[in-house]
mmCIF file of all heavy atoms, coordinates in Angstrom:
data_MODEL
# 
_entry.id   MODEL 
# 
loop_
_atom_site.group_PDB 
_atom_site.id 
_atom_site.type_symbol 
_atom_site.label_atom_id 
_atom_site.label_alt_id 
_atom_site.label_comp_id 
_atom_site.label_asym_id 
_atom_site.label_entity_id 
_atom_site.label_seq_id 
_atom_site.pdbx_PDB_ins_code 
_atom_site.Cartn_x 
_atom_site.Cartn_y 
_atom_site.Cartn_z 
_atom_site.occupancy 
_atom_site.B_iso_or_equiv 
_atom_site.pdbx_formal_charge 
_atom_site.auth_seq_id 
_atom_site.auth_comp_id 
_atom_site.auth_asym_id 
_atom_site.auth_atom_id 
_atom_site.pdbx_PDB_model_num 
ATOM 1   N N   . HIS A 1 1  ? -8.521  14.866  -13.907 1.00 0.00 ? 1  HIS A N   1 
ATOM 2   C CA  . HIS A 1 1  ? -7.517  13.874  -13.538 1.00 0.00 ? 1  HIS A CA  1 
ATOM 3   C C   . HIS A 1 1  ? -7.420  13.820  -12.026 1.00 0.00 ? 1  HIS A C   1 
ATOM 4   O O   . HIS A 1 1  ? -7.060  14.809  -11.383 1.00 0.00 ? 1  HIS A O   1 
ATOM 5   C CB  . HIS A 1 1  ? -6.156  14.255  -14.137 1.00 0.00 ? 1  HIS A CB  1 
ATOM 6   C CG  . HIS A 1 1  ? -5.032  13.353  -13.689 1.00 0.00 ? 1  HIS A CG  1 
ATOM 7   N ND1 . HIS A 1 1  ? -3.817  13.848  -13.236 1.00 0.00 ? 1  HIS A ND1 1 
ATOM 8   C CD2 . HIS A 1 1  ? -4.942  12.005  -13.607 1.00 0.00 ? 1  HIS A CD2 1 
ATOM 9   C CE1 . HIS A 1 1  ? -3.034  12.824  -12.920 1.00 0.00 ? 1  HIS A CE1 1 
ATOM 10  N NE2 . HIS A 1 1  ? -3.685  11.702  -13.125 1.00 0.00 ? 1  HIS A NE2 1 
ATOM 11  N N   . SER A 1 2  ? -7.807  12.707  -11.436 1.00 0.00 ? 2  SER A N   1 
ATOM 12  C CA  . SER A 1 2  ? -7.679  12.487  -9.996  1.00 0.00 ? 2  SER A CA  1 
ATOM 13  C C   . SER A 1 2  ? -8.000  11.030  -9.721  1.00 0.00 ? 2  SER A C   1 
ATOM 14  O O   . SER A 1 2  ? -8.296  10.267  -10.637 1.00 0.00 ? 2  SER A O   1 
ATOM 15  C CB  . SER A 1 2  ? -8.598  13.426  -9.193  1.00 0.00 ? 2  SER A CB  1 
ATOM 16  O OG  . SER A 1 2  ? -9.947  13.249  -9.566  1.00 0.00 ? 2  SER A OG  1 
ATOM 17  N N   . GLY A 1 3  ? -7.958  10.632  -8.443  1.00 0.00 ? 3  GLY A N   1 
ATOM 18  C CA  . GLY A 1 3  ? -8.127  9.223   -8.126  1.00 0.00 ? 3  GLY A CA  1 
ATOM 19  C C   . GLY A 1 3  ? -9.102  8.970   -7.001  1.00 0.00 ? 3  GLY A C   1 
ATOM 20  O O   . GLY A 1 3  ? -10.175 9.565   -6.938  1.00 0.00 ? 3  GLY A O   1 
ATOM 21  N N   . SER A 1 4  ? -8.700  8.091   -6.091  1.00 0.00 ? 4  SER A N   1 
ATOM 22  C CA  . SER A 1 4  ? -9.617  7.615   -5.054  1.00 0.00 ? 4  SER A CA  1 
ATOM 23  C C   . SER A 1 4  ? -9.408  8.309   -3.713  1.00 0.00 ? 4  SER A C   1 
ATOM 24  O O   . SER A 1 4  ? -9.851  7.807   -2.672  1.00 0.00 ? 4  SER A O   1 
ATOM 25  C CB  . SER A 1 4  ? -9.480  6.095   -4.885  1.00 0.00 ? 4  SER A CB  1 
ATOM 26  O OG  . SER A 1 4  ? -8.122  5.715   -4.726  1.00 0.00 ? 4  SER A OG  1 
ATOM 27  N N   . ARG A 1 5  ? -8.695  9.432   -3.753  1.00 0.00 ? 5  ARG A N   1 
ATOM 28  C CA  . ARG A 1 5  ? -8.572  10.326  -2.608  1.00 0.00 ? 5  ARG A CA  1 
ATOM 29  C C   . ARG A 1 5  ? -7.996  9.636   -1.367  1.00 0.00 ? 5  ARG A C   1 
ATOM 30  O O   . ARG A 1 5  ? -7.226  8.698   -1.479  1.00 0.00 ? 5  ARG A O   1 
ATOM 31  C CB  . ARG A 1 5  ? -9.942  10.976  -2.308  1.00 0.00 ? 5  ARG A CB  1 
ATOM 32  C CG  . ARG A 1 5  ? -10.567 11.706  -3.487  1.00 0.00 ? 5  ARG A CG  1 
ATOM 33  C CD  . ARG A 1 5  ? -9.746  12.927  -3.875  1.00 0.00 ? 5  ARG A CD  1 
ATOM 34  N NE  . ARG A 1 5  ? -9.947  13.991  -2.910  1.00 0.00 ? 5  ARG A NE  1 
ATOM 35  C CZ  . ARG A 1 5  ? -9.002  14.425  -2.059  1.00 0.00 ? 5  ARG A CZ  1 
ATOM 36  N NH1 . ARG A 1 5  ? -7.811  13.894  -2.053  1.00 0.00 ? 5  ARG A NH1 1 
ATOM 37  N NH2 . ARG A 1 5  ? -9.255  15.398  -1.226  1.00 0.00 ? 5  ARG A NH2 1 
ATOM 38  N N   . GLY A 1 6  ? -8.386  10.077  -0.188  1.00 0.00 ? 6  GLY A N   1 
ATOM 39  C CA  . GLY A 1 6  ? -7.813  9.533   1.025   1.00 0.00 ? 6  GLY A CA  1 
ATOM 40  C C   . GLY A 1 6  ? -8.122  8.065   1.228   1.00 0.00 ? 6  GLY A C   1 
ATOM 41  O O   . GLY A 1 6  ? -7.342  7.336   1.854   1.00 0.00 ? 6  GLY A O   1 
ATOM 42  N N   . PHE A 1 7  ? -9.267  7.626   0.706   1.00 0.00 ? 7  PHE A N   1 
ATOM 43  C CA  . PHE A 1 7  ? -9.629  6.214   0.823   1.00 0.00 ? 7  PHE A CA  1 
ATOM 44  C C   . PHE A 1 7  ? -8.588  5.332   0.133   1.00 0.00 ? 7  PHE A C   1 
ATOM 45  O O   . PHE A 1 7  ? -8.023  4.413   0.738   1.00 0.00 ? 7  PHE A O   1 
ATOM 46  C CB  . PHE A 1 7  ? -11.013 5.981   0.214   1.00 0.00 ? 7  PHE A CB  1 
ATOM 47  C CG  . PHE A 1 7  ? -11.360 4.522   0.048   1.00 0.00 ? 7  PHE A CG  1 
ATOM 48  C CD1 . PHE A 1 7  ? -11.428 3.686   1.151   1.00 0.00 ? 7  PHE A CD1 1 
ATOM 49  C CD2 . PHE A 1 7  ? -11.614 3.983   -1.202  1.00 0.00 ? 7  PHE A CD2 1 
ATOM 50  C CE1 . PHE A 1 7  ? -11.743 2.335   1.005   1.00 0.00 ? 7  PHE A CE1 1 
ATOM 51  C CE2 . PHE A 1 7  ? -11.922 2.650   -1.361  1.00 0.00 ? 7  PHE A CE2 1 
ATOM 52  C CZ  . PHE A 1 7  ? -11.990 1.822   -0.252  1.00 0.00 ? 7  PHE A CZ  1 
ATOM 53  N N   . GLY A 1 8  ? -8.310  5.620   -1.141  1.00 0.00 ? 8  GLY A N   1 
ATOM 54  C CA  . GLY A 1 8  ? -7.337  4.816   -1.874  1.00 0.00 ? 8  GLY A CA  1 
ATOM 55  C C   . GLY A 1 8  ? -5.943  4.904   -1.284  1.00 0.00 ? 8  GLY A C   1 
ATOM 56  O O   . GLY A 1 8  ? -5.214  3.901   -1.209  1.00 0.00 ? 8  GLY A O   1 
ATOM 57  N N   . GLY A 1 9  ? -5.567  6.097   -0.846  1.00 0.00 ? 9  GLY A N   1 
ATOM 58  C CA  . GLY A 1 9  ? -4.245  6.275   -0.263  1.00 0.00 ? 9  GLY A CA  1 
ATOM 59  C C   . GLY A 1 9  ? -4.066  5.452   1.011   1.00 0.00 ? 9  GLY A C   1 
ATOM 60  O O   . GLY A 1 9  ? -3.017  4.832   1.225   1.00 0.00 ? 9  GLY A O   1 
ATOM 61  N N   . ALA A 1 10 ? -5.089  5.437   1.866   1.00 0.00 ? 10 ALA A N   1 
ATOM 62  C CA  . ALA A 1 10 ? -5.006  4.671   3.111   1.00 0.00 ? 10 ALA A CA  1 
ATOM 63  C C   . ALA A 1 10 ? -4.970  3.173   2.833   1.00 0.00 ? 10 ALA A C   1 
ATOM 64  O O   . ALA A 1 10 ? -4.236  2.423   3.491   1.00 0.00 ? 10 ALA A O   1 
ATOM 65  C CB  . ALA A 1 10 ? -6.182  5.019   4.023   1.00 0.00 ? 10 ALA A CB  1 
ATOM 66  N N   . VAL A 1 11 ? -5.778  2.722   1.875   1.00 0.00 ? 11 VAL A N   1 
ATOM 67  C CA  . VAL A 1 11 ? -5.761  1.303   1.482   1.00 0.00 ? 11 VAL A CA  1 
ATOM 68  C C   . VAL A 1 11 ? -4.377  0.915   0.971   1.00 0.00 ? 11 VAL A C   1 
ATOM 69  O O   . VAL A 1 11 ? -3.810  -0.116  1.352   1.00 0.00 ? 11 VAL A O   1 
ATOM 70  C CB  . VAL A 1 11 ? -6.839  1.025   0.412   1.00 0.00 ? 11 VAL A CB  1 
ATOM 71  C CG1 . VAL A 1 11 ? -6.619  -0.339  -0.242  1.00 0.00 ? 11 VAL A CG1 1 
ATOM 72  C CG2 . VAL A 1 11 ? -8.231  1.094   1.028   1.00 0.00 ? 11 VAL A CG2 1 
ATOM 73  N N   . ALA A 1 12 ? -3.817  1.755   0.092   1.00 0.00 ? 12 ALA A N   1 
ATOM 74  C CA  . ALA A 1 12 ? -2.496  1.460   -0.481  1.00 0.00 ? 12 ALA A CA  1 
ATOM 75  C C   . ALA A 1 12 ? -1.435  1.386   0.610   1.00 0.00 ? 12 ALA A C   1 
ATOM 76  O O   . ALA A 1 12 ? -0.608  0.461   0.628   1.00 0.00 ? 12 ALA A O   1 
ATOM 77  C CB  . ALA A 1 12 ? -2.134  2.522   -1.512  1.00 0.00 ? 12 ALA A CB  1 
ATOM 78  N N   . ASN A 1 13 ? -1.437  2.335   1.515   1.00 0.00 ? 13 ASN A N   1 
ATOM 79  C CA  . ASN A 1 13 ? -0.419  2.356   2.567   1.00 0.00 ? 13 ASN A CA  1 
ATOM 80  C C   . ASN A 1 13 ? -0.532  1.135   3.487   1.00 0.00 ? 13 ASN A C   1 
ATOM 81  O O   . ASN A 1 13 ? 0.473   0.506   3.836   1.00 0.00 ? 13 ASN A O   1 
ATOM 82  C CB  . ASN A 1 13 ? -0.529  3.644   3.393   1.00 0.00 ? 13 ASN A CB  1 
ATOM 83  C CG  . ASN A 1 13 ? -0.055  4.861   2.627   1.00 0.00 ? 13 ASN A CG  1 
ATOM 84  O OD1 . ASN A 1 13 ? 0.801   4.761   1.756   1.00 0.00 ? 13 ASN A OD1 1 
ATOM 85  N ND2 . ASN A 1 13 ? -0.628  6.015   2.930   1.00 0.00 ? 13 ASN A ND2 1 
ATOM 86  N N   . TYR A 1 14 ? -1.752  0.782   3.855   1.00 0.00 ? 14 TYR A N   1 
ATOM 87  C CA  . TYR A 1 14 ? -1.951  -0.349  4.765   1.00 0.00 ? 14 TYR A CA  1 
ATOM 88  C C   . TYR A 1 14 ? -1.493  -1.653  4.124   1.00 0.00 ? 14 TYR A C   1 
ATOM 89  O O   . TYR A 1 14 ? -0.728  -2.430  4.726   1.00 0.00 ? 14 TYR A O   1 
ATOM 90  C CB  . TYR A 1 14 ? -3.436  -0.451  5.163   1.00 0.00 ? 14 TYR A CB  1 
ATOM 91  C CG  . TYR A 1 14 ? -3.730  -1.618  6.079   1.00 0.00 ? 14 TYR A CG  1 
ATOM 92  C CD1 . TYR A 1 14 ? -3.567  -1.497  7.454   1.00 0.00 ? 14 TYR A CD1 1 
ATOM 93  C CD2 . TYR A 1 14 ? -4.163  -2.842  5.562   1.00 0.00 ? 14 TYR A CD2 1 
ATOM 94  C CE1 . TYR A 1 14 ? -3.835  -2.568  8.297   1.00 0.00 ? 14 TYR A CE1 1 
ATOM 95  C CE2 . TYR A 1 14 ? -4.415  -3.922  6.393   1.00 0.00 ? 14 TYR A CE2 1 
ATOM 96  C CZ  . TYR A 1 14 ? -4.252  -3.775  7.750   1.00 0.00 ? 14 TYR A CZ  1 
ATOM 97  O OH  . TYR A 1 14 ? -4.501  -4.847  8.591   1.00 0.00 ? 14 TYR A OH  1 
ATOM 98  N N   . TYR A 1 15 ? -1.937  -1.904  2.900   1.00 0.00 ? 15 TYR A N   1 
ATOM 99  C CA  . TYR A 1 15 ? -1.641  -3.195  2.283   1.00 0.00 ? 15 TYR A CA  1 
ATOM 100 C C   . TYR A 1 15 ? -0.234  -3.266  1.682   1.00 0.00 ? 15 TYR A C   1 
ATOM 101 O O   . TYR A 1 15 ? 0.322   -4.369  1.543   1.00 0.00 ? 15 TYR A O   1 
ATOM 102 C CB  . TYR A 1 15 ? -2.716  -3.550  1.250   1.00 0.00 ? 15 TYR A CB  1 
ATOM 103 C CG  . TYR A 1 15 ? -4.005  -3.954  1.919   1.00 0.00 ? 15 TYR A CG  1 
ATOM 104 C CD1 . TYR A 1 15 ? -5.064  -3.053  2.024   1.00 0.00 ? 15 TYR A CD1 1 
ATOM 105 C CD2 . TYR A 1 15 ? -4.151  -5.208  2.487   1.00 0.00 ? 15 TYR A CD2 1 
ATOM 106 C CE1 . TYR A 1 15 ? -6.243  -3.403  2.671   1.00 0.00 ? 15 TYR A CE1 1 
ATOM 107 C CE2 . TYR A 1 15 ? -5.319  -5.573  3.145   1.00 0.00 ? 15 TYR A CE2 1 
ATOM 108 C CZ  . TYR A 1 15 ? -6.362  -4.673  3.234   1.00 0.00 ? 15 TYR A CZ  1 
ATOM 109 O OH  . TYR A 1 15 ? -7.523  -5.028  3.893   1.00 0.00 ? 15 TYR A OH  1 
ATOM 110 N N   . SER A 1 16 ? 0.361   -2.126  1.368   1.00 0.00 ? 16 SER A N   1 
ATOM 111 C CA  . SER A 1 16 ? 1.764   -2.144  0.944   1.00 0.00 ? 16 SER A CA  1 
ATOM 112 C C   . SER A 1 16 ? 2.650   -2.584  2.098   1.00 0.00 ? 16 SER A C   1 
ATOM 113 O O   . SER A 1 16 ? 3.565   -3.414  1.944   1.00 0.00 ? 16 SER A O   1 
ATOM 114 C CB  . SER A 1 16 ? 2.198   -0.759  0.451   1.00 0.00 ? 16 SER A CB  1 
ATOM 115 O OG  . SER A 1 16 ? 1.504   -0.407  -0.727  1.00 0.00 ? 16 SER A OG  1 
ATOM 116 N N   . LYS A 1 17 ? 2.389   -2.042  3.292   1.00 0.00 ? 17 LYS A N   1 
ATOM 117 C CA  . LYS A 1 17 ? 3.162   -2.437  4.473   1.00 0.00 ? 17 LYS A CA  1 
ATOM 118 C C   . LYS A 1 17 ? 2.915   -3.910  4.808   1.00 0.00 ? 17 LYS A C   1 
ATOM 119 O O   . LYS A 1 17 ? 3.848   -4.644  5.156   1.00 0.00 ? 17 LYS A O   1 
ATOM 120 C CB  . LYS A 1 17 ? 2.784   -1.548  5.657   1.00 0.00 ? 17 LYS A CB  1 
ATOM 121 C CG  . LYS A 1 17 ? 3.236   -0.109  5.525   1.00 0.00 ? 17 LYS A CG  1 
ATOM 122 C CD  . LYS A 1 17 ? 2.767   0.732   6.707   1.00 0.00 ? 17 LYS A CD  1 
ATOM 123 C CE  . LYS A 1 17 ? 3.193   2.185   6.543   1.00 0.00 ? 17 LYS A CE  1 
ATOM 124 N NZ  . LYS A 1 17 ? 2.652   3.030   7.648   1.00 0.00 ? 17 LYS A NZ  1 
ATOM 125 N N   . LEU A 1 18 ? 1.661   -4.332  4.685   1.00 0.00 ? 18 LEU A N   1 
ATOM 126 C CA  . LEU A 1 18 ? 1.329   -5.724  4.974   1.00 0.00 ? 18 LEU A CA  1 
ATOM 127 C C   . LEU A 1 18 ? 2.042   -6.665  4.001   1.00 0.00 ? 18 LEU A C   1 
ATOM 128 O O   . LEU A 1 18 ? 2.586   -7.709  4.400   1.00 0.00 ? 18 LEU A O   1 
ATOM 129 C CB  . LEU A 1 18 ? -0.185  -5.925  4.904   1.00 0.00 ? 18 LEU A CB  1 
ATOM 130 C CG  . LEU A 1 18 ? -0.706  -7.316  5.283   1.00 0.00 ? 18 LEU A CG  1 
ATOM 131 C CD1 . LEU A 1 18 ? -0.330  -7.665  6.720   1.00 0.00 ? 18 LEU A CD1 1 
ATOM 132 C CD2 . LEU A 1 18 ? -2.227  -7.376  5.093   1.00 0.00 ? 18 LEU A CD2 1 
ATOM 133 N N   . ALA A 1 19 ? 2.057   -6.301  2.721   1.00 0.00 ? 19 ALA A N   1 
ATOM 134 C CA  . ALA A 1 19 ? 2.735   -7.124  1.722   1.00 0.00 ? 19 ALA A CA  1 
ATOM 135 C C   . ALA A 1 19 ? 4.217   -7.244  2.039   1.00 0.00 ? 19 ALA A C   1 
ATOM 136 O O   . ALA A 1 19 ? 4.815   -8.323  1.905   1.00 0.00 ? 19 ALA A O   1 
ATOM 137 C CB  . ALA A 1 19 ? 2.532   -6.522  0.332   1.00 0.00 ? 19 ALA A CB  1 
ATOM 138 N N   . MET A 1 20 ? 4.833   -6.144  2.471   1.00 0.00 ? 20 MET A N   1 
ATOM 139 C CA  . MET A 1 20 ? 6.271   -6.167  2.781   1.00 0.00 ? 20 MET A CA  1 
ATOM 140 C C   . MET A 1 20 ? 6.569   -7.000  4.033   1.00 0.00 ? 20 MET A C   1 
ATOM 141 O O   . MET A 1 20 ? 7.672   -7.515  4.189   1.00 0.00 ? 20 MET A O   1 
ATOM 142 C CB  . MET A 1 20 ? 6.792   -4.740  2.922   1.00 0.00 ? 20 MET A CB  1 
ATOM 143 C CG  . MET A 1 20 ? 6.780   -3.969  1.605   1.00 0.00 ? 20 MET A CG  1 
ATOM 144 S SD  . MET A 1 20 ? 7.131   -2.198  1.764   1.00 0.00 ? 20 MET A SD  1 
ATOM 145 C CE  . MET A 1 20 ? 8.869   -2.236  2.207   1.00 0.00 ? 20 MET A CE  1 
ATOM 146 N N   . GLN A 1 21 ? 5.566   -7.146  4.910   1.00 0.00 ? 21 GLN A N   1 
ATOM 147 C CA  . GLN A 1 21 ? 5.737   -8.026  6.064   1.00 0.00 ? 21 GLN A CA  1 
ATOM 148 C C   . GLN A 1 21 ? 5.623   -9.492  5.661   1.00 0.00 ? 21 GLN A C   1 
ATOM 149 O O   . GLN A 1 21 ? 6.353   -10.350 6.173   1.00 0.00 ? 21 GLN A O   1 
ATOM 150 C CB  . GLN A 1 21 ? 4.674   -7.709  7.128   1.00 0.00 ? 21 GLN A CB  1 
ATOM 151 C CG  . GLN A 1 21 ? 4.813   -6.353  7.778   1.00 0.00 ? 21 GLN A CG  1 
ATOM 152 C CD  . GLN A 1 21 ? 3.611   -6.007  8.636   1.00 0.00 ? 21 GLN A CD  1 
ATOM 153 O OE1 . GLN A 1 21 ? 2.743   -6.849  8.892   1.00 0.00 ? 21 GLN A OE1 1 
ATOM 154 N NE2 . GLN A 1 21 ? 3.539   -4.759  9.078   1.00 0.00 ? 21 GLN A NE2 1 
ATOM 155 N N   . LYS A 1 22 ? 4.709   -9.765  4.729   1.00 0.00 ? 22 LYS A N   1 
ATOM 156 C CA  . LYS A 1 22 ? 4.440   -11.147 4.333   1.00 0.00 ? 22 LYS A CA  1 
ATOM 157 C C   . LYS A 1 22 ? 5.439   -11.658 3.303   1.00 0.00 ? 22 LYS A C   1 
ATOM 158 O O   . LYS A 1 22 ? 5.751   -12.851 3.272   1.00 0.00 ? 22 LYS A O   1 
ATOM 159 C CB  . LYS A 1 22 ? 3.021   -11.257 3.774   1.00 0.00 ? 22 LYS A CB  1 
ATOM 160 C CG  . LYS A 1 22 ? 1.916   -10.914 4.765   1.00 0.00 ? 22 LYS A CG  1 
ATOM 161 C CD  . LYS A 1 22 ? 1.806   -11.956 5.856   1.00 0.00 ? 22 LYS A CD  1 
ATOM 162 C CE  . LYS A 1 22 ? 0.642   -11.678 6.801   1.00 0.00 ? 22 LYS A CE  1 
ATOM 163 N NZ  . LYS A 1 22 ? 0.495   -12.738 7.816   1.00 0.00 ? 22 LYS A NZ  1 
ATOM 164 N N   . THR A 1 23 ? 5.899   -10.772 2.417   1.00 0.00 ? 23 THR A N   1 
ATOM 165 C CA  . THR A 1 23 ? 6.797   -11.167 1.324   1.00 0.00 ? 23 THR A CA  1 
ATOM 166 C C   . THR A 1 23 ? 8.092   -10.399 1.476   1.00 0.00 ? 23 THR A C   1 
ATOM 167 O O   . THR A 1 23 ? 8.140   -9.194  1.212   1.00 0.00 ? 23 THR A O   1 
ATOM 168 C CB  . THR A 1 23 ? 6.152   -10.860 -0.048  1.00 0.00 ? 23 THR A CB  1 
ATOM 169 O OG1 . THR A 1 23 ? 4.881   -11.504 -0.132  1.00 0.00 ? 23 THR A OG1 1 
ATOM 170 C CG2 . THR A 1 23 ? 7.043   -11.341 -1.180  1.00 0.00 ? 23 THR A CG2 1 
ATOM 171 N N   . ARG A 1 24 ? 9.127   -11.085 1.892   1.00 0.00 ? 24 ARG A N   1 
ATOM 172 C CA  . ARG A 1 24 ? 10.414  -10.427 2.111   1.00 0.00 ? 24 ARG A CA  1 
ATOM 173 C C   . ARG A 1 24 ? 11.306  -10.641 0.893   1.00 0.00 ? 24 ARG A C   1 
ATOM 174 O O   . ARG A 1 24 ? 11.546  -11.783 0.472   1.00 0.00 ? 24 ARG A O   1 
ATOM 175 C CB  . ARG A 1 24 ? 11.064  -10.950 3.393   1.00 0.00 ? 24 ARG A CB  1 
ATOM 176 C CG  . ARG A 1 24 ? 10.292  -10.533 4.651   1.00 0.00 ? 24 ARG A CG  1 
ATOM 177 C CD  . ARG A 1 24 ? 11.075  -10.901 5.904   1.00 0.00 ? 24 ARG A CD  1 
ATOM 178 N NE  . ARG A 1 24 ? 11.136  -12.346 6.074   1.00 0.00 ? 24 ARG A NE  1 
ATOM 179 C CZ  . ARG A 1 24 ? 10.238  -13.072 6.741   1.00 0.00 ? 24 ARG A CZ  1 
ATOM 180 N NH1 . ARG A 1 24 ? 9.196   -12.474 7.289   1.00 0.00 ? 24 ARG A NH1 1 
ATOM 181 N NH2 . ARG A 1 24 ? 10.387  -14.377 6.853   1.00 0.00 ? 24 ARG A NH2 1 
ATOM 182 N N   . LEU A 1 25 ? 11.788  -9.530  0.351   1.00 0.00 ? 25 LEU A N   1 
ATOM 183 C CA  . LEU A 1 25 ? 12.588  -9.546  -0.869  1.00 0.00 ? 25 LEU A CA  1 
ATOM 184 C C   . LEU A 1 25 ? 13.901  -8.812  -0.637  1.00 0.00 ? 25 LEU A C   1 
ATOM 185 O O   . LEU A 1 25 ? 14.024  -8.041  0.327   1.00 0.00 ? 25 LEU A O   1 
ATOM 186 C CB  . LEU A 1 25 ? 11.811  -8.859  -2.004  1.00 0.00 ? 25 LEU A CB  1 
ATOM 187 C CG  . LEU A 1 25 ? 10.560  -9.584  -2.507  1.00 0.00 ? 25 LEU A CG  1 
ATOM 188 C CD1 . LEU A 1 25 ? 9.688   -8.631  -3.312  1.00 0.00 ? 25 LEU A CD1 1 
ATOM 189 C CD2 . LEU A 1 25 ? 10.941  -10.799 -3.346  1.00 0.00 ? 25 LEU A CD2 1 
ATOM 190 N N   . PRO A 1 26 ? 14.886  -8.997  -1.528  1.00 0.00 ? 26 PRO A N   1 
ATOM 191 C CA  . PRO A 1 26 ? 16.113  -8.198  -1.417  1.00 0.00 ? 26 PRO A CA  1 
ATOM 192 C C   . PRO A 1 26 ? 15.801  -6.706  -1.406  1.00 0.00 ? 26 PRO A C   1 
ATOM 193 O O   . PRO A 1 26 ? 14.764  -6.268  -1.930  1.00 0.00 ? 26 PRO A O   1 
ATOM 194 C CB  . PRO A 1 26 ? 16.896  -8.605  -2.670  1.00 0.00 ? 26 PRO A CB  1 
ATOM 195 C CG  . PRO A 1 26 ? 16.404  -9.973  -2.998  1.00 0.00 ? 26 PRO A CG  1 
ATOM 196 C CD  . PRO A 1 26 ? 14.953  -9.981  -2.610  1.00 0.00 ? 26 PRO A CD  1 
ATOM 197 N N   . LYS A 1 27 ? 16.700  -5.921  -0.811  1.00 0.00 ? 27 LYS A N   1 
ATOM 198 C CA  . LYS A 1 27 ? 16.459  -4.498  -0.557  1.00 0.00 ? 27 LYS A CA  1 
ATOM 199 C C   . LYS A 1 27 ? 15.981  -3.750  -1.786  1.00 0.00 ? 27 LYS A C   1 
ATOM 200 O O   . LYS A 1 27 ? 15.029  -2.959  -1.724  1.00 0.00 ? 27 LYS A O   1 
ATOM 201 C CB  . LYS A 1 27 ? 17.730  -3.852  -0.018  1.00 0.00 ? 27 LYS A CB  1 
ATOM 202 C CG  . LYS A 1 27 ? 17.555  -2.390  0.362   1.00 0.00 ? 27 LYS A CG  1 
ATOM 203 C CD  . LYS A 1 27 ? 18.837  -1.823  0.952   1.00 0.00 ? 27 LYS A CD  1 
ATOM 204 C CE  . LYS A 1 27 ? 18.662  -0.352  1.329   1.00 0.00 ? 27 LYS A CE  1 
ATOM 205 N NZ  . LYS A 1 27 ? 19.922  0.206   1.905   1.00 0.00 ? 27 LYS A NZ  1 
# 
């Protein structure tokens, strides 16, 4: 049981922040 390691984590962090910049939702 494991995933995509540091690669997946960095991708997730970068695009999660980008999504929150582009799509603003209630808190």
